[in-house]
């Protein structure tokens, strides 16, 4: 199923970037406004394709979900993990979602432990 929609004002995040989740939600609702079975099927397909956002509670959970890492050295920084560009972008999108669009400056050079500490600071500063 493809949905084509023209926006006069594209939904944006606070950073000015397109709000992909709002666009996806709009497309799913617009395609099947009164068809709960079809919506469940679409949601299932989005889950299979990994396009439904997960709710993570830590940086470690994001890395585990995105890359399937089971054990992480929290002293390693992302820049040292030799990620290809697509993986790096996928990770940055998920981390941006986790941090609520407030990634720390030079986040890719922080150790995973430092990044986790920054996330905990963000959650304490901006609960919910």
C-alpha atoms as a PDB file:
ATOM      1  CA  UNK A   1       0.000   0.000   0.000  1.00  0.00           C
ATOM      2  CA  UNK A   2       1.313   3.408  -0.912  1.00  0.00           C
ATOM      3  CA  UNK A   3      -0.109   6.651   0.326  1.00  0.00           C
ATOM      4  CA  UNK A   4       0.680   9.896  -1.437  1.00  0.00           C
ATOM      5  CA  UNK A   5      -0.057  13.047   0.437  1.00  0.00           C
ATOM      6  CA  UNK A   6       0.783  16.654  -0.307  1.00  0.00           C
ATOM      7  CA  UNK A   7       1.605  18.852   2.655  1.00  0.00           C
ATOM      8  CA  UNK A   8       1.370  22.616   2.606  1.00  0.00           C
ATOM      9  CA  UNK A   9       3.288  22.593   5.903  1.00  0.00           C
ATOM     10  CA  UNK A  10       5.349  19.473   6.527  1.00  0.00           C
ATOM     11  CA  UNK A  11       5.224  18.364  10.191  1.00  0.00           C
ATOM     12  CA  UNK A  12       8.530  19.334  11.790  1.00  0.00           C
ATOM     13  CA  UNK A  13      10.388  18.533  14.982  1.00  0.00           C
ATOM     14  CA  UNK A  14      11.597  21.325  17.241  1.00  0.00           C
ATOM     15  CA  UNK A  15      14.962  21.059  15.465  1.00  0.00           C
ATOM     16  CA  UNK A  16      13.331  21.932  12.135  1.00  0.00           C
ATOM     17  CA  UNK A  17      13.809  18.405  10.767  1.00  0.00           C
ATOM     18  CA  UNK A  18      10.839  16.539   9.261  1.00  0.00           C
ATOM     19  CA  UNK A  19       8.783  14.671  11.874  1.00  0.00           C
ATOM     20  CA  UNK A  20       8.866  11.265  10.196  1.00  0.00           C
ATOM     21  CA  UNK A  21       6.716   9.632  12.879  1.00  0.00           C
ATOM     22  CA  UNK A  22       3.932  12.215  12.489  1.00  0.00           C
ATOM     23  CA  UNK A  23       4.046  11.771   8.718  1.00  0.00           C
ATOM     24  CA  UNK A  24       3.915   7.969   9.065  1.00  0.00           C
ATOM     25  CA  UNK A  25       1.058   8.172  11.585  1.00  0.00           C
ATOM     26  CA  UNK A  26      -0.822  10.511   9.254  1.00  0.00           C
ATOM     27  CA  UNK A  27      -0.322   8.148   6.316  1.00  0.00           C
ATOM     28  CA  UNK A  28      -1.541   5.090   8.231  1.00  0.00           C
ATOM     29  CA  UNK A  29      -4.588   6.913   9.617  1.00  0.00           C
ATOM     30  CA  UNK A  30      -5.378   8.470   6.247  1.00  0.00           C
ATOM     31  CA  UNK A  31      -5.147   5.175   4.396  1.00  0.00           C
ATOM     32  CA  UNK A  32      -7.488   3.249   6.671  1.00  0.00           C
ATOM     33  CA  UNK A  33      -9.481   5.659   8.833  1.00  0.00           C
ATOM     34  CA  UNK A  34     -12.279   3.184   9.602  1.00  0.00           C
ATOM     35  CA  UNK A  35     -10.691  -0.196   8.970  1.00  0.00           C
ATOM     36  CA  UNK A  36      -9.251  -1.524  12.249  1.00  0.00           C
ATOM     37  CA  UNK A  37      -8.243  -4.868  10.725  1.00  0.00           C
ATOM     38  CA  UNK A  38      -6.334  -3.150   7.922  1.00  0.00           C
ATOM     39  CA  UNK A  39      -4.685  -0.810  10.446  1.00  0.00           C
ATOM     40  CA  UNK A  40      -3.569  -3.810  12.532  1.00  0.00           C
ATOM     41  CA  UNK A  41      -2.163  -5.471   9.423  1.00  0.00           C
ATOM     42  CA  UNK A  42      -0.298  -2.281   8.467  1.00  0.00           C
ATOM     43  CA  UNK A  43       1.035  -1.986  12.033  1.00  0.00           C
ATOM     44  CA  UNK A  44       2.213  -5.593  11.853  1.00  0.00           C
ATOM     45  CA  UNK A  45       4.022  -4.930   8.584  1.00  0.00           C
ATOM     46  CA  UNK A  46       5.599  -1.775  10.022  1.00  0.00           C
ATOM     47  CA  UNK A  47       6.772  -3.812  13.034  1.00  0.00           C
ATOM     48  CA  UNK A  48       8.282  -6.483  10.774  1.00  0.00           C
ATOM     49  CA  UNK A  49      10.066  -3.834   8.720  1.00  0.00           C
ATOM     50  CA  UNK A  50      11.259  -2.103  11.876  1.00  0.00           C
ATOM     51  CA  UNK A  51       9.410   1.116  11.058  1.00  0.00           C
ATOM     52  CA  UNK A  52       7.368   1.402  14.252  1.00  0.00           C
ATOM     53  CA  UNK A  53       9.357   3.302  16.831  1.00  0.00           C
ATOM     54  CA  UNK A  54      10.255   1.361  19.926  1.00  0.00           C
ATOM     55  CA  UNK A  55      10.203   3.001  23.300  1.00  0.00           C
ATOM     56  CA  UNK A  56      13.703   2.645  24.681  1.00  0.00           C
ATOM     57  CA  UNK A  57      14.725   3.404  28.226  1.00  0.00           C
ATOM     58  CA  UNK A  58      18.501   3.513  27.773  1.00  0.00           C
ATOM     59  CA  UNK A  59      21.282   4.006  25.261  1.00  0.00           C
ATOM     60  CA  UNK A  60      22.211   0.352  25.757  1.00  0.00           C
ATOM     61  CA  UNK A  61      18.662  -0.698  24.793  1.00  0.00           C
ATOM     62  CA  UNK A  62      18.893   1.337  21.570  1.00  0.00           C
ATOM     63  CA  UNK A  63      22.234  -0.225  20.626  1.00  0.00           C
ATOM     64  CA  UNK A  64      20.986  -3.704  21.454  1.00  0.00           C
ATOM     65  CA  UNK A  65      17.848  -3.227  19.364  1.00  0.00           C
ATOM     66  CA  UNK A  66      19.528  -1.545  16.399  1.00  0.00           C
ATOM     67  CA  UNK A  67      22.599  -3.768  16.181  1.00  0.00           C
ATOM     68  CA  UNK A  68      21.732  -6.808  18.262  1.00  0.00           C
ATOM     69  CA  UNK A  69      24.663  -6.244  20.610  1.00  0.00           C
ATOM     70  CA  UNK A  70      24.371  -8.423  23.677  1.00  0.00           C
ATOM     71  CA  UNK A  71      27.399  -7.199  25.591  1.00  0.00           C
ATOM     72  CA  UNK A  72      28.616  -3.656  25.339  1.00  0.00           C
ATOM     73  CA  UNK A  73      31.821  -2.100  26.587  1.00  0.00           C
ATOM     74  CA  UNK A  74      30.522   1.136  28.037  1.00  0.00           C
ATOM     75  CA  UNK A  75      34.022   2.664  27.655  1.00  0.00           C
ATOM     76  CA  UNK A  76      33.816   2.416  23.845  1.00  0.00           C
ATOM     77  CA  UNK A  77      32.751   5.479  21.880  1.00  0.00           C
ATOM     78  CA  UNK A  78      30.552   5.265  18.792  1.00  0.00           C
ATOM     79  CA  UNK A  79      33.268   6.753  16.602  1.00  0.00           C
ATOM     80  CA  UNK A  80      35.449   3.718  17.417  1.00  0.00           C
ATOM     81  CA  UNK A  81      32.770   1.167  16.535  1.00  0.00           C
ATOM     82  CA  UNK A  82      33.512   1.240  12.776  1.00  0.00           C
ATOM     83  CA  UNK A  83      29.860   1.671  11.781  1.00  0.00           C
ATOM     84  CA  UNK A  84      28.945   2.043   8.129  1.00  0.00           C
ATOM     85  CA  UNK A  85      27.178   5.275   7.215  1.00  0.00           C
ATOM     86  CA  UNK A  86      23.686   3.744   7.016  1.00  0.00           C
ATOM     87  CA  UNK A  87      24.045   2.114  10.419  1.00  0.00           C
ATOM     88  CA  UNK A  88      25.358   5.366  11.852  1.00  0.00           C
ATOM     89  CA  UNK A  89      22.370   7.288  10.489  1.00  0.00           C
ATOM     90  CA  UNK A  90      19.924   4.641  11.749  1.00  0.00           C
ATOM     91  CA  UNK A  91      21.524   4.796  15.173  1.00  0.00           C
ATOM     92  CA  UNK A  92      21.494   8.584  15.243  1.00  0.00           C
ATOM     93  CA  UNK A  93      17.780   8.636  14.401  1.00  0.00           C
ATOM     94  CA  UNK A  94      16.988   6.178  17.198  1.00  0.00           C
ATOM     95  CA  UNK A  95      19.174   8.059  19.686  1.00  0.00           C
ATOM     96  CA  UNK A  96      17.555  11.328  18.676  1.00  0.00           C
ATOM     97  CA  UNK A  97      14.197   9.737  19.394  1.00  0.00           C
ATOM     98  CA  UNK A  98      15.494   8.477  22.754  1.00  0.00           C
ATOM     99  CA  UNK A  99      16.916  11.862  23.739  1.00  0.00           C
ATOM    100  CA  UNK A 100      13.774  13.675  22.627  1.00  0.00           C
ATOM    101  CA  UNK A 101      15.561  15.486  19.797  1.00  0.00           C
ATOM    102  CA  UNK A 102      18.260  16.782  22.178  1.00  0.00           C
ATOM    103  CA  UNK A 103      21.416  14.823  21.338  1.00  0.00           C
ATOM    104  CA  UNK A 104      24.460  16.118  23.205  1.00  0.00           C
ATOM    105  CA  UNK A 105      27.122  18.022  21.277  1.00  0.00           C
ATOM    106  CA  UNK A 106      29.745  15.679  19.802  1.00  0.00           C
ATOM    107  CA  UNK A 107      27.682  12.706  21.008  1.00  0.00           C
ATOM    108  CA  UNK A 108      29.478  10.338  18.638  1.00  0.00           C
ATOM    109  CA  UNK A 109      32.774  10.976  20.457  1.00  0.00           C
ATOM    110  CA  UNK A 110      31.378  10.225  23.926  1.00  0.00           C
ATOM    111  CA  UNK A 111      31.856   6.794  25.437  1.00  0.00           C
ATOM    112  CA  UNK A 112      28.687   4.719  25.664  1.00  0.00           C
ATOM    113  CA  UNK A 113      28.808   5.204  29.432  1.00  0.00           C
ATOM    114  CA  UNK A 114      29.049   8.982  29.056  1.00  0.00           C
ATOM    115  CA  UNK A 115      26.209   8.955  26.551  1.00  0.00           C
ATOM    116  CA  UNK A 116      24.121   6.922  29.001  1.00  0.00           C
ATOM    117  CA  UNK A 117      24.913   9.452  31.756  1.00  0.00           C
ATOM    118  CA  UNK A 118      23.846  12.324  29.490  1.00  0.00           C
ATOM    119  CA  UNK A 119      20.606  10.493  28.724  1.00  0.00           C
ATOM    120  CA  UNK A 120      19.929  10.059  32.447  1.00  0.00           C
ATOM    121  CA  UNK A 121      20.555  13.805  32.913  1.00  0.00           C
ATOM    122  CA  UNK A 122      18.070  14.574  30.132  1.00  0.00           C
ATOM    123  CA  UNK A 123      15.400  12.321  31.608  1.00  0.00           C
ATOM    124  CA  UNK A 124      15.866  13.970  35.002  1.00  0.00           C
ATOM    125  CA  UNK A 125      15.695  17.458  33.448  1.00  0.00           C
ATOM    126  CA  UNK A 126      12.778  16.736  31.125  1.00  0.00           C
ATOM    127  CA  UNK A 127      10.653  13.963  32.625  1.00  0.00           C
ATOM    128  CA  UNK A 128       8.126  12.337  30.323  1.00  0.00           C
END
